[in-house]
Amino acid sequence: MELVPNNTLICASPEEGRRLALGLAMQTSFAIQPDDHVQQIVRDAYTNNPDGLIAAGHVVAIEFATVAAANNYWR
């Protein structure tokens, strides 16, 4: 499983960086819980729970902050 695509966090734009952050967060989830059946159960639980959705969004935000820093905030 490739956890960092092409082994780099460098992206051409913030939009590309946000897409990468979302992908990294999803890959982390799959790496932690590789069982598809369990993933579906967990997904059903958090999609109906605002706290779960907020927590998932927080994980993506942290990944995006990491990608943005690696790209010198696209300056």
C-alpha atoms as a PDB file:
ATOM      1  CA  MET A   1       0.000   0.000   0.000  1.00  0.00           C
ATOM      2  CA  GLU A   2       1.462   3.326  -1.084  1.00  0.00           C
ATOM      3  CA  LEU A   3       0.763   5.761   1.768  1.00  0.00           C
ATOM      4  CA  VAL A   4       2.448   8.809   0.191  1.00  0.00           C
ATOM      5  CA  PRO A   5       1.748   8.870  -3.565  1.00  0.00           C
ATOM      6  CA  ASN A   6       4.970   9.143  -5.565  1.00  0.00           C
ATOM      7  CA  ASN A   7       6.768   9.497  -2.207  1.00  0.00           C
ATOM      8  CA  THR A   8       6.254  13.267  -2.179  1.00  0.00           C
ATOM      9  CA  LEU A   9       3.976  15.888  -0.666  1.00  0.00           C
ATOM     10  CA  ILE A  10       4.909  18.486  -3.291  1.00  0.00           C
ATOM     11  CA  CYS A  11       1.866  19.718  -5.235  1.00  0.00           C
ATOM     12  CA  ALA A  12       1.368  22.316  -7.961  1.00  0.00           C
ATOM     13  CA  SER A  13      -1.519  24.110  -6.259  1.00  0.00           C
ATOM     14  CA  PRO A  14      -3.557  24.294  -3.065  1.00  0.00           C
ATOM     15  CA  GLU A  15      -6.389  22.448  -4.853  1.00  0.00           C
ATOM     16  CA  GLU A  16      -4.030  19.582  -5.674  1.00  0.00           C
ATOM     17  CA  GLY A  17      -2.743  19.712  -2.092  1.00  0.00           C
ATOM     18  CA  ARG A  18      -6.266  19.441  -0.678  1.00  0.00           C
ATOM     19  CA  ARG A  19      -6.941  16.437  -2.914  1.00  0.00           C
ATOM     20  CA  LEU A  20      -3.705  14.847  -1.687  1.00  0.00           C
ATOM     21  CA  ALA A  21      -4.658  15.548   1.949  1.00  0.00           C
ATOM     22  CA  LEU A  22      -8.015  13.829   1.487  1.00  0.00           C
ATOM     23  CA  GLY A  23      -6.320  10.856  -0.147  1.00  0.00           C
ATOM     24  CA  LEU A  24      -3.763  10.629   2.657  1.00  0.00           C
ATOM     25  CA  ALA A  25      -6.509  10.672   5.279  1.00  0.00           C
ATOM     26  CA  MET A  26      -8.404   7.916   3.447  1.00  0.00           C
ATOM     27  CA  GLN A  27      -5.266   5.801   3.051  1.00  0.00           C
ATOM     28  CA  THR A  28      -4.571   6.183   6.763  1.00  0.00           C
ATOM     29  CA  SER A  29      -8.055   4.916   7.527  1.00  0.00           C
ATOM     30  CA  PHE A  30      -7.600   1.921   5.227  1.00  0.00           C
ATOM     31  CA  ALA A  31      -4.168   1.154   6.687  1.00  0.00           C
ATOM     32  CA  ILE A  32      -5.511   1.208  10.237  1.00  0.00           C
ATOM     33  CA  GLN A  33      -8.603  -0.889   9.436  1.00  0.00           C
ATOM     34  CA  PRO A  34      -8.079  -2.983   6.286  1.00  0.00           C
ATOM     35  CA  ASP A  35     -11.243  -5.100   6.762  1.00  0.00           C
ATOM     36  CA  ASP A  36     -13.861  -3.843   4.251  1.00  0.00           C
ATOM     37  CA  HIS A  37     -16.783  -5.102   6.339  1.00  0.00           C
ATOM     38  CA  VAL A  38     -15.585  -3.305   9.471  1.00  0.00           C
ATOM     39  CA  GLN A  39     -14.894  -0.150   7.451  1.00  0.00           C
ATOM     40  CA  GLN A  40     -18.508  -0.153   6.255  1.00  0.00           C
ATOM     41  CA  ILE A  41     -19.793  -0.514   9.808  1.00  0.00           C
ATOM     42  CA  VAL A  42     -17.584   2.337  11.004  1.00  0.00           C
ATOM     43  CA  ARG A  43     -18.530   4.500   8.011  1.00  0.00           C
ATOM     44  CA  ASP A  44     -22.236   3.969   8.710  1.00  0.00           C
ATOM     45  CA  ALA A  45     -21.687   4.991  12.331  1.00  0.00           C
ATOM     46  CA  TYR A  46     -19.769   8.208  11.670  1.00  0.00           C
ATOM     47  CA  THR A  47     -21.857   9.399   8.714  1.00  0.00           C
ATOM     48  CA  ASN A  48     -24.839   9.644  11.031  1.00  0.00           C
ATOM     49  CA  ASN A  49     -22.890  11.227  13.865  1.00  0.00           C
ATOM     50  CA  PRO A  50     -21.891  14.888  13.593  1.00  0.00           C
ATOM     51  CA  ASP A  51     -19.001  14.365  16.018  1.00  0.00           C
ATOM     52  CA  GLY A  52     -17.619  11.615  13.782  1.00  0.00           C
ATOM     53  CA  LEU A  53     -17.845  13.806  10.689  1.00  0.00           C
ATOM     54  CA  ILE A  54     -16.130  16.670  12.506  1.00  0.00           C
ATOM     55  CA  ALA A  55     -13.357  14.299  13.636  1.00  0.00           C
ATOM     56  CA  ALA A  56     -12.894  13.008  10.067  1.00  0.00           C
ATOM     57  CA  GLY A  57     -12.725  16.590   8.794  1.00  0.00           C
ATOM     58  CA  HIS A  58     -10.124  17.363  11.441  1.00  0.00           C
ATOM     59  CA  VAL A  59      -7.914  14.525  10.204  1.00  0.00           C
ATOM     60  CA  VAL A  60      -8.103  15.895   6.645  1.00  0.00           C
ATOM     61  CA  ALA A  61      -7.307  19.404   7.924  1.00  0.00           C
ATOM     62  CA  ILE A  62      -4.191  18.130   9.696  1.00  0.00           C
ATOM     63  CA  GLU A  63      -3.074  16.314   6.544  1.00  0.00           C
ATOM     64  CA  PHE A  64      -3.669  19.507   4.511  1.00  0.00           C
ATOM     65  CA  ALA A  65      -1.636  21.579   6.982  1.00  0.00           C
ATOM     66  CA  THR A  66       1.228  19.109   6.564  1.00  0.00           C
ATOM     67  CA  VAL A  67       1.011  19.223   2.747  1.00  0.00           C
ATOM     68  CA  ALA A  68       0.775  23.038   2.754  1.00  0.00           C
ATOM     69  CA  ALA A  69       3.862  23.340   4.951  1.00  0.00           C
ATOM     70  CA  ALA A  70       5.778  20.943   2.673  1.00  0.00           C
ATOM     71  CA  ASN A  71       4.870  23.222  -0.244  1.00  0.00           C
ATOM     72  CA  ASN A  72       5.921  26.404   1.576  1.00  0.00           C
ATOM     73  CA  TYR A  73       2.242  27.393   1.497  1.00  0.00           C
ATOM     74  CA  TRP A  74       2.500  27.746  -2.336  1.00  0.00           C
ATOM     75  CA  ARG A  75       4.478  30.975  -2.117  1.00  0.00           C
END
